[in-house]
Amino acid sequence: MKFAHISDLHIGKRLCGFSLIEDQRHILSQITDIIEKQNPDGVIIAGDVYDKSNPSAEAVTVFDEFLTDLSGLKIPVYIISGNHDSAERLAFGGKIMQSSEIYISPVYDGGIKKVVKTDEYGDVNIYLCPFVKPANVKTFYPDDNTDSYTEALKTALSHCDIDDKARNILVCHQFITGAQTCDSEEINVGTLDNIDAGIFDSFDYVALGHIHGAQKVLRESIRYCGTPLKYSFSECRHKKSVTMVDIREKNCVYIETVPLEPLRDLREIKGTYEELMSLESYAGTNTADYLHVTLTDEEDVPNALEKMRSVYKNIMQFDYDNKRTRETMTVTAEEKNDEKSPLELLEQLYFTQNNSELSEVQRDYVTELIERIWGESI
């Protein structure tokens, strides 16, 4: 039985003030094309469908279009809520959609929804576990140990009557110990939300969501598929993909990834203003990509951001890397010193702020200003 595993769509997300809805429509259409070509037996969406618990009407429309396209392919879809989703909102209409083989995890009620599918090797049990916290589980099992995230999920799974001899898939949205994180994820301080992967021994495949970089945890078949798009500049080097999982007989799992190509990539570029604005620098590249631009000029270039946006249309972040920015120095009030001239005091302040000396042009300009203001010769 073959599945397409995706997660963390974060539909409706904005990055540095930029709406990504057009990019998300594009990538979801591409995922639909991949699914149509691969023809899996099911599509798993492992949480964080939306970026906010109260998604915009536009975000809901985009997901509705995606589900409609998948439904048109007559392929079952398995969806759980993530920490960014409202479990109640996502589960709305779930019972009706089940008739179209769109299975959505309900709000956690002490049980985990199970869907059973059959192929030539027998039954496959698919468990849909929404994002849960220890408090959610403790409400239903107050006498069990649910103090930590590991114990809470272990308790939730222990009440599922899992057959270890059967083929079992768990769809889950949690932070598993050992996973490599990036800047766009919400991880609790002190790794309080860590879950030990050892509690997944009964499952042939664990389809994880929550971490944005595709990776295995402990074994190949405990897997984060990653986001379909890059959602922070710490993800610039990520290769986004759809994870395809083929489960045959018990403990026989084959995994491959199908790459995704974004409408606009997320990139970082660095150099002097002149270098980055030269034709050689941007020829053959997509100047509409989302960019973090770092200039290495020692002196600020007037109106550099506005000028660069005439070429690079979607600059999301802009900064400098030079002597001044590399040197962390605190500017403090200078003690009164009658022996220093106004020019010397200003030179000292300039060096403290910028970690460099005044240029000759700057020195001449300041000297002229001081003569005009103080009426004294320097």
Protein backbone atom coordinates (compact mmCIF):
# COMPACT_ATOMS: atom_id res chain seq x y z
CA MET A 1 0.00 0.00 0.00
CA LYS A 2 1.48 3.29 -1.13
CA PHE A 3 1.02 6.69 0.53
CA ALA A 4 2.03 10.27 -0.20
CA HIS A 5 3.14 11.94 3.03
CA ILE A 6 2.99 15.75 3.33
CA SER A 7 2.62 18.12 6.29
CA ASP A 8 2.95 21.69 7.57
CA LEU A 9 1.24 23.41 4.65
CA HIS A 10 0.79 26.54 6.81
CA ILE A 11 -1.76 27.91 4.36
CA GLY A 12 -2.23 31.64 4.87
CA LYS A 13 1.29 32.22 6.20
CA ARG A 14 2.96 35.59 5.76
CA LEU A 15 6.75 35.92 5.81
CA CYS A 16 8.34 39.30 6.56
CA GLY A 17 5.02 40.90 5.63
CA PHE A 18 4.78 39.09 2.28
CA SER A 19 1.71 36.95 1.56
CA LEU A 20 2.66 33.45 0.34
CA ILE A 21 -0.83 32.45 -0.81
CA GLU A 22 0.09 32.50 -4.53
CA ASP A 23 3.17 30.37 -3.82
CA GLN A 24 1.07 27.95 -1.78
CA ARG A 25 -1.53 27.59 -4.54
CA HIS A 26 1.28 26.83 -6.97
CA ILE A 27 2.94 24.19 -4.78
CA LEU A 28 -0.36 22.49 -3.87
CA SER A 29 -1.19 22.26 -7.58
CA GLN A 30 2.23 20.70 -8.15
CA ILE A 31 1.60 18.22 -5.31
CA THR A 32 -1.71 17.28 -6.93
CA ASP A 33 0.09 16.61 -10.21
CA ILE A 34 2.66 14.42 -8.43
CA ILE A 35 -0.08 12.47 -6.69
CA GLU A 36 -1.94 11.96 -9.94
CA LYS A 37 1.25 10.65 -11.58
CA GLN A 38 2.34 8.49 -8.61
CA ASN A 39 -1.22 7.19 -8.01
CA PRO A 40 -0.79 6.27 -4.31
CA ASP A 41 -3.44 4.51 -2.26
CA GLY A 42 -3.73 7.47 0.08
CA VAL A 43 -2.51 10.97 0.94
CA ILE A 44 -1.40 11.76 4.50
CA ILE A 45 -1.44 15.37 5.73
CA ALA A 46 0.31 15.36 9.11
CA GLY A 47 -0.93 18.59 10.67
CA ASP A 48 -0.52 22.38 10.48
CA VAL A 49 -2.83 22.65 7.51
CA TYR A 50 -3.23 26.34 8.33
CA ASP A 51 -0.79 28.85 9.78
CA LYS A 52 -3.33 30.20 12.26
CA SER A 53 -6.03 28.60 14.37
CA ASN A 54 -8.46 31.13 12.87
CA PRO A 55 -7.49 31.02 9.17
CA SER A 56 -8.55 33.66 6.68
CA ALA A 57 -11.32 32.99 4.19
CA GLU A 58 -8.68 32.97 1.44
CA ALA A 59 -6.64 30.29 3.23
CA VAL A 60 -9.73 28.12 3.72
CA THR A 61 -10.57 28.48 0.03
CA VAL A 62 -7.07 27.37 -1.00
CA PHE A 63 -7.30 24.23 1.14
CA ASP A 64 -10.82 23.55 -0.09
CA GLU A 65 -9.55 23.69 -3.69
CA PHE A 66 -6.72 21.29 -2.82
CA LEU A 67 -9.06 18.78 -1.16
CA THR A 68 -11.49 19.03 -4.07
CA ASP A 69 -8.67 18.24 -6.52
CA LEU A 70 -7.56 15.25 -4.44
CA SER A 71 -11.13 14.02 -4.11
CA GLY A 72 -11.43 14.20 -7.88
CA LEU A 73 -8.55 11.72 -8.13
CA LYS A 74 -10.56 9.22 -6.02
CA ILE A 75 -7.64 8.86 -3.58
CA PRO A 76 -8.34 8.70 0.19
CA VAL A 77 -6.96 11.56 2.28
CA TYR A 78 -5.95 11.30 5.96
CA ILE A 79 -5.69 14.58 7.89
CA ILE A 80 -4.77 15.48 11.46
CA SER A 81 -4.65 18.86 13.20
CA GLY A 82 -1.32 20.38 14.23
CA ASN A 83 -0.40 22.90 16.90
CA HIS A 84 -1.16 25.79 14.51
CA ASP A 85 -4.62 24.44 13.68
CA SER A 86 -7.88 24.64 15.56
CA ALA A 87 -8.81 20.97 15.96
CA GLU A 88 -12.49 21.94 16.19
CA ARG A 89 -12.47 24.02 12.99
CA LEU A 90 -10.45 21.49 11.01
CA ALA A 91 -12.71 18.61 12.07
CA PHE A 92 -15.90 20.46 11.05
CA GLY A 93 -17.81 18.40 8.49
CA GLY A 94 -15.47 15.44 8.98
CA LYS A 95 -18.26 12.88 9.18
CA ILE A 96 -19.77 14.10 5.92
CA MET A 97 -16.40 14.20 4.15
CA GLN A 98 -15.68 10.64 5.25
CA SER A 99 -18.21 9.50 2.60
CA SER A 100 -15.73 10.94 0.05
CA GLU A 101 -12.88 9.11 1.82
CA ILE A 102 -11.49 12.26 3.39
CA TYR A 103 -10.70 11.21 6.97
CA ILE A 104 -10.03 13.96 9.53
CA SER A 105 -8.93 13.39 13.12
CA PRO A 106 -11.60 14.64 15.53
CA VAL A 107 -10.83 16.72 18.60
CA TYR A 108 -8.98 14.43 21.02
CA ASP A 109 -11.62 12.68 23.17
CA GLY A 110 -9.57 9.96 24.81
CA GLY A 111 -9.38 7.84 21.67
CA ILE A 112 -7.45 7.98 18.40
CA LYS A 113 -9.36 7.58 15.15
CA LYS A 114 -8.46 4.40 13.26
CA VAL A 115 -9.09 3.77 9.56
CA VAL A 116 -8.58 0.26 8.18
CA LYS A 117 -7.63 -0.33 4.54
CA THR A 118 -6.90 -3.63 2.79
CA ASP A 119 -4.56 -4.69 0.02
CA GLU A 120 -3.07 -7.97 -1.20
CA TYR A 121 -1.00 -8.26 2.01
CA GLY A 122 -3.98 -7.80 4.34
CA ASP A 123 -5.17 -4.94 6.53
CA VAL A 124 -3.35 -1.70 7.20
CA ASN A 125 -4.42 0.21 10.33
CA ILE A 126 -4.04 3.99 10.01
CA TYR A 127 -4.17 5.87 13.33
CA LEU A 128 -4.89 9.61 13.15
CA CYS A 129 -3.50 11.30 16.26
CA PRO A 130 -4.01 15.08 16.43
CA PHE A 131 -1.51 17.31 18.22
CA VAL A 132 -1.93 16.66 21.95
CA LYS A 133 -0.51 18.09 25.15
CA PRO A 134 -0.21 16.24 28.47
CA ALA A 135 -3.21 18.19 29.81
CA ASN A 136 -5.40 16.90 26.95
CA VAL A 137 -4.62 13.28 27.79
CA LYS A 138 -4.83 13.75 31.56
CA THR A 139 -8.43 14.93 31.22
CA PHE A 140 -9.45 11.44 30.07
CA TYR A 141 -6.90 9.34 31.96
CA PRO A 142 -6.32 11.12 35.30
CA ASP A 143 -4.94 7.99 36.96
CA ASP A 144 -2.24 7.40 34.31
CA ASN A 145 1.19 9.04 34.21
CA THR A 146 0.77 11.91 31.73
CA ASP A 147 3.21 14.45 33.21
CA SER A 148 5.55 14.56 30.19
CA TYR A 149 4.80 14.66 26.48
CA THR A 150 6.31 11.18 26.09
CA GLU A 151 4.18 9.69 28.86
CA ALA A 152 1.07 11.50 27.62
CA LEU A 153 1.37 10.17 24.06
CA LYS A 154 2.37 6.74 25.36
CA THR A 155 -0.82 6.72 27.46
CA ALA A 156 -2.95 7.83 24.50
CA LEU A 157 -1.52 5.05 22.31
CA SER A 158 -1.87 2.41 25.05
CA HIS A 159 -5.64 2.85 24.94
CA CYS A 160 -5.80 2.12 21.18
CA ASP A 161 -5.55 -1.69 21.45
CA ILE A 162 -2.84 -1.83 18.77
CA ASP A 163 -2.11 -5.21 17.20
CA ASP A 164 1.71 -5.46 17.00
CA LYS A 165 1.46 -8.22 14.39
CA ALA A 166 -0.59 -6.12 11.99
CA ARG A 167 0.71 -3.38 9.70
CA ASN A 168 0.21 -0.09 11.51
CA ILE A 169 0.68 3.53 10.47
CA LEU A 170 0.61 6.44 12.91
CA VAL A 171 -0.02 10.00 11.69
CA CYS A 172 1.28 12.32 14.39
CA HIS A 173 2.23 15.98 14.87
CA GLN A 174 4.79 16.25 17.69
CA PHE A 175 8.46 17.05 18.32
CA ILE A 176 10.43 13.79 18.45
CA THR A 177 13.74 13.79 20.34
CA GLY A 178 16.69 14.06 17.96
CA ALA A 179 14.91 15.95 15.19
CA GLN A 180 16.83 18.85 13.64
CA THR A 181 14.90 22.12 13.89
CA CYS A 182 14.96 25.48 12.12
CA ASP A 183 13.79 29.03 12.84
CA SER A 184 10.22 28.74 11.56
CA GLU A 185 9.02 26.15 14.08
CA GLU A 186 7.45 26.67 17.48
CA ILE A 187 9.48 24.55 19.91
CA ASN A 188 9.05 24.84 23.66
CA VAL A 189 11.96 26.25 25.65
CA GLY A 190 13.93 23.52 27.41
CA THR A 191 12.67 20.78 25.03
CA LEU A 192 9.65 20.18 27.27
CA ASP A 193 7.70 18.90 24.27
CA ASN A 194 10.25 16.23 23.33
CA ILE A 195 8.86 12.74 22.75
CA ASP A 196 10.96 9.58 22.84
CA ALA A 197 10.75 7.74 19.50
CA GLY A 198 10.92 4.43 21.37
CA ILE A 199 7.16 4.55 21.98
CA PHE A 200 6.56 3.95 18.25
CA ASP A 201 7.78 0.34 18.15
CA SER A 202 4.31 -0.98 17.20
CA PHE A 203 4.18 1.08 13.99
CA ASP A 204 5.60 0.16 10.60
CA TYR A 205 5.58 3.81 9.58
CA VAL A 206 5.18 7.01 11.59
CA ALA A 207 4.13 9.95 9.39
CA LEU A 208 5.27 13.01 11.33
CA GLY A 209 4.54 16.69 11.07
CA HIS A 210 5.81 19.73 13.03
CA ILE A 211 9.50 19.88 11.99
CA HIS A 212 10.09 21.73 8.71
CA GLY A 213 13.14 19.86 7.43
CA ALA A 214 12.62 16.41 5.87
CA GLN A 215 14.44 13.79 7.95
CA LYS A 216 14.27 10.42 9.65
CA VAL A 217 14.32 10.04 13.44
CA LEU A 218 15.91 6.92 14.98
CA ARG A 219 14.92 4.75 11.99
CA GLU A 220 14.02 5.30 8.35
CA SER A 221 10.32 4.65 8.92
CA ILE A 222 9.86 7.35 11.58
CA ARG A 223 9.87 10.33 9.31
CA TYR A 224 9.24 14.04 8.97
CA CYS A 225 8.40 14.91 5.37
CA GLY A 226 9.09 18.65 5.92
CA THR A 227 7.21 21.65 4.61
CA PRO A 228 6.40 21.94 0.89
CA LEU A 229 7.82 25.49 0.90
CA LYS A 230 10.65 27.26 2.72
CA TYR A 231 9.21 29.27 5.59
CA SER A 232 12.36 30.88 7.02
CA PHE A 233 15.81 31.82 5.75
CA SER A 234 17.27 29.07 7.94
CA GLU A 235 15.63 26.70 5.41
CA CYS A 236 17.45 28.13 2.37
CA ARG A 237 19.42 24.93 1.80
CA HIS A 238 16.46 22.60 2.31
CA LYS A 239 15.34 20.46 -0.61
CA LYS A 240 11.55 20.35 -0.42
CA SER A 241 9.74 17.23 -1.56
CA VAL A 242 6.78 14.87 -1.25
CA THR A 243 7.62 11.69 0.67
CA MET A 244 6.31 8.51 -0.98
CA VAL A 245 5.94 5.49 1.31
CA ASP A 246 5.32 1.95 0.03
CA ILE A 247 4.33 -0.51 2.77
CA ARG A 248 4.25 -4.12 1.65
CA GLU A 249 4.35 -7.05 4.08
CA LYS A 250 4.96 -6.46 7.80
CA ASN A 251 8.18 -4.47 8.49
CA CYS A 252 8.79 -3.99 4.77
CA VAL A 253 8.76 -0.25 4.01
CA TYR A 254 10.20 1.51 0.95
CA ILE A 255 10.65 5.30 0.94
CA GLU A 256 11.46 7.74 -1.83
CA THR A 257 11.11 11.50 -2.26
CA VAL A 258 9.77 13.47 -5.21
CA PRO A 259 11.27 16.99 -5.42
CA LEU A 260 9.13 20.13 -5.46
CA GLU A 261 9.91 23.31 -7.40
CA PRO A 262 8.60 26.57 -5.90
CA LEU A 263 7.16 29.46 -7.84
CA ARG A 264 9.70 31.68 -6.08
CA ASP A 265 12.65 30.34 -4.11
CA LEU A 266 13.89 31.69 -0.77
CA ARG A 267 17.55 32.73 -1.12
CA GLU A 268 20.32 34.68 0.59
CA ILE A 269 22.73 36.81 -1.45
CA LYS A 270 25.74 38.72 -0.18
CA GLY A 271 28.24 41.17 -1.66
CA THR A 272 28.90 44.82 -2.32
CA TYR A 273 26.16 46.96 -3.83
CA GLU A 274 28.08 47.17 -7.10
CA GLU A 275 28.60 43.41 -7.27
CA LEU A 276 24.97 42.51 -6.61
CA MET A 277 23.64 45.12 -9.05
CA SER A 278 25.91 44.00 -11.88
CA LEU A 279 24.29 42.14 -14.77
CA GLU A 280 26.54 39.13 -14.16
CA SER A 281 25.17 38.76 -10.64
CA TYR A 282 21.51 38.34 -11.56
CA ALA A 283 21.65 37.10 -15.15
CA GLY A 284 20.02 33.70 -15.44
CA THR A 285 18.45 33.84 -11.97
CA ASN A 286 14.88 34.44 -10.92
CA THR A 287 14.96 38.05 -9.70
CA ALA A 288 11.44 37.54 -8.30
CA ASP A 289 12.78 35.10 -5.66
CA TYR A 290 12.34 36.02 -2.00
CA LEU A 291 15.68 37.37 -0.81
CA HIS A 292 17.72 38.18 2.25
CA VAL A 293 20.26 40.70 0.95
CA THR A 294 23.44 41.47 2.88
CA LEU A 295 25.67 44.30 1.64
CA THR A 296 29.37 44.24 2.55
CA ASP A 297 30.09 47.90 1.69
CA GLU A 298 31.94 49.62 4.54
CA GLU A 299 29.76 52.72 4.17
CA ASP A 300 25.97 52.68 3.85
CA VAL A 301 24.76 53.09 0.27
CA PRO A 302 22.09 55.83 0.09
CA ASN A 303 18.63 54.39 -0.74
CA ALA A 304 20.21 51.01 -1.44
CA LEU A 305 17.08 48.99 -0.63
CA GLU A 306 14.85 51.01 -2.93
CA LYS A 307 17.41 50.90 -5.74
CA MET A 308 17.94 47.15 -5.41
CA ARG A 309 14.20 46.48 -5.53
CA SER A 310 14.22 47.84 -9.08
CA VAL A 311 16.02 44.58 -9.93
CA TYR A 312 15.23 42.23 -7.05
CA LYS A 313 11.49 42.72 -6.56
CA ASN A 314 10.96 40.65 -3.41
CA ILE A 315 13.65 41.61 -0.91
CA MET A 316 12.34 40.39 2.45
CA GLN A 317 15.36 41.20 4.63
CA PHE A 318 18.13 43.73 4.12
CA ASP A 319 21.22 44.36 6.22
CA TYR A 320 24.97 45.09 6.21
CA ASP A 321 27.96 42.96 7.15
CA ASN A 322 31.01 45.18 7.64
CA LYS A 323 33.42 46.36 10.33
CA ARG A 324 30.74 48.43 12.00
CA THR A 325 28.12 45.67 12.22
CA ARG A 326 30.60 42.94 13.16
CA GLU A 327 32.00 44.88 16.08
CA THR A 328 29.55 45.04 18.96
CA MET A 329 30.39 48.22 20.77
CA THR A 330 28.43 50.27 23.30
CA VAL A 331 28.30 54.01 22.80
CA THR A 332 28.61 55.82 26.13
CA ALA A 333 28.67 59.49 27.01
CA GLU A 334 32.15 60.96 26.72
CA GLU A 335 33.48 62.62 29.85
CA LYS A 336 34.07 66.34 29.50
CA ASN A 337 37.57 66.89 28.19
CA ASP A 338 38.59 70.47 27.52
CA GLU A 339 41.75 69.30 25.80
CA LYS A 340 39.85 67.72 22.87
CA SER A 341 38.49 69.79 20.03
CA PRO A 342 34.92 69.28 18.68
CA LEU A 343 36.40 67.53 15.67
CA GLU A 344 38.39 65.12 17.85
CA LEU A 345 35.32 64.34 19.94
CA LEU A 346 33.23 63.66 16.84
CA GLU A 347 35.98 61.48 15.37
CA GLN A 348 36.04 59.45 18.57
CA LEU A 349 32.23 59.06 18.53
CA TYR A 350 32.24 58.07 14.85
CA PHE A 351 34.87 55.41 15.44
CA THR A 352 32.93 54.02 18.42
CA GLN A 353 29.75 53.76 16.36
CA ASN A 354 31.25 52.52 13.08
CA ASN A 355 34.57 50.90 13.98
CA SER A 356 36.30 52.94 11.28
CA GLU A 357 37.91 56.37 10.84
CA LEU A 358 36.32 59.34 9.12
CA SER A 359 37.20 59.51 5.44
CA GLU A 360 38.90 62.60 4.08
CA VAL A 361 35.65 63.77 2.47
CA GLN A 362 33.78 63.30 5.74
CA ARG A 363 36.52 65.09 7.70
CA ASP A 364 36.43 68.10 5.34
CA TYR A 365 32.64 68.28 5.55
CA VAL A 366 32.60 68.08 9.36
CA THR A 367 35.34 70.68 9.64
CA GLU A 368 33.32 73.08 7.50
CA LEU A 369 30.23 72.48 9.64
CA ILE A 370 32.08 73.05 12.92
CA GLU A 371 33.62 76.30 11.62
CA ARG A 372 30.17 77.49 10.56
CA ILE A 373 28.45 76.52 13.85
CA TRP A 374 31.14 77.37 16.40
CA GLY A 375 32.81 80.08 14.42
CA GLU A 376 36.21 78.70 15.25
CA SER A 377 39.11 77.52 13.13
CA ILE A 378 40.05 73.87 13.50
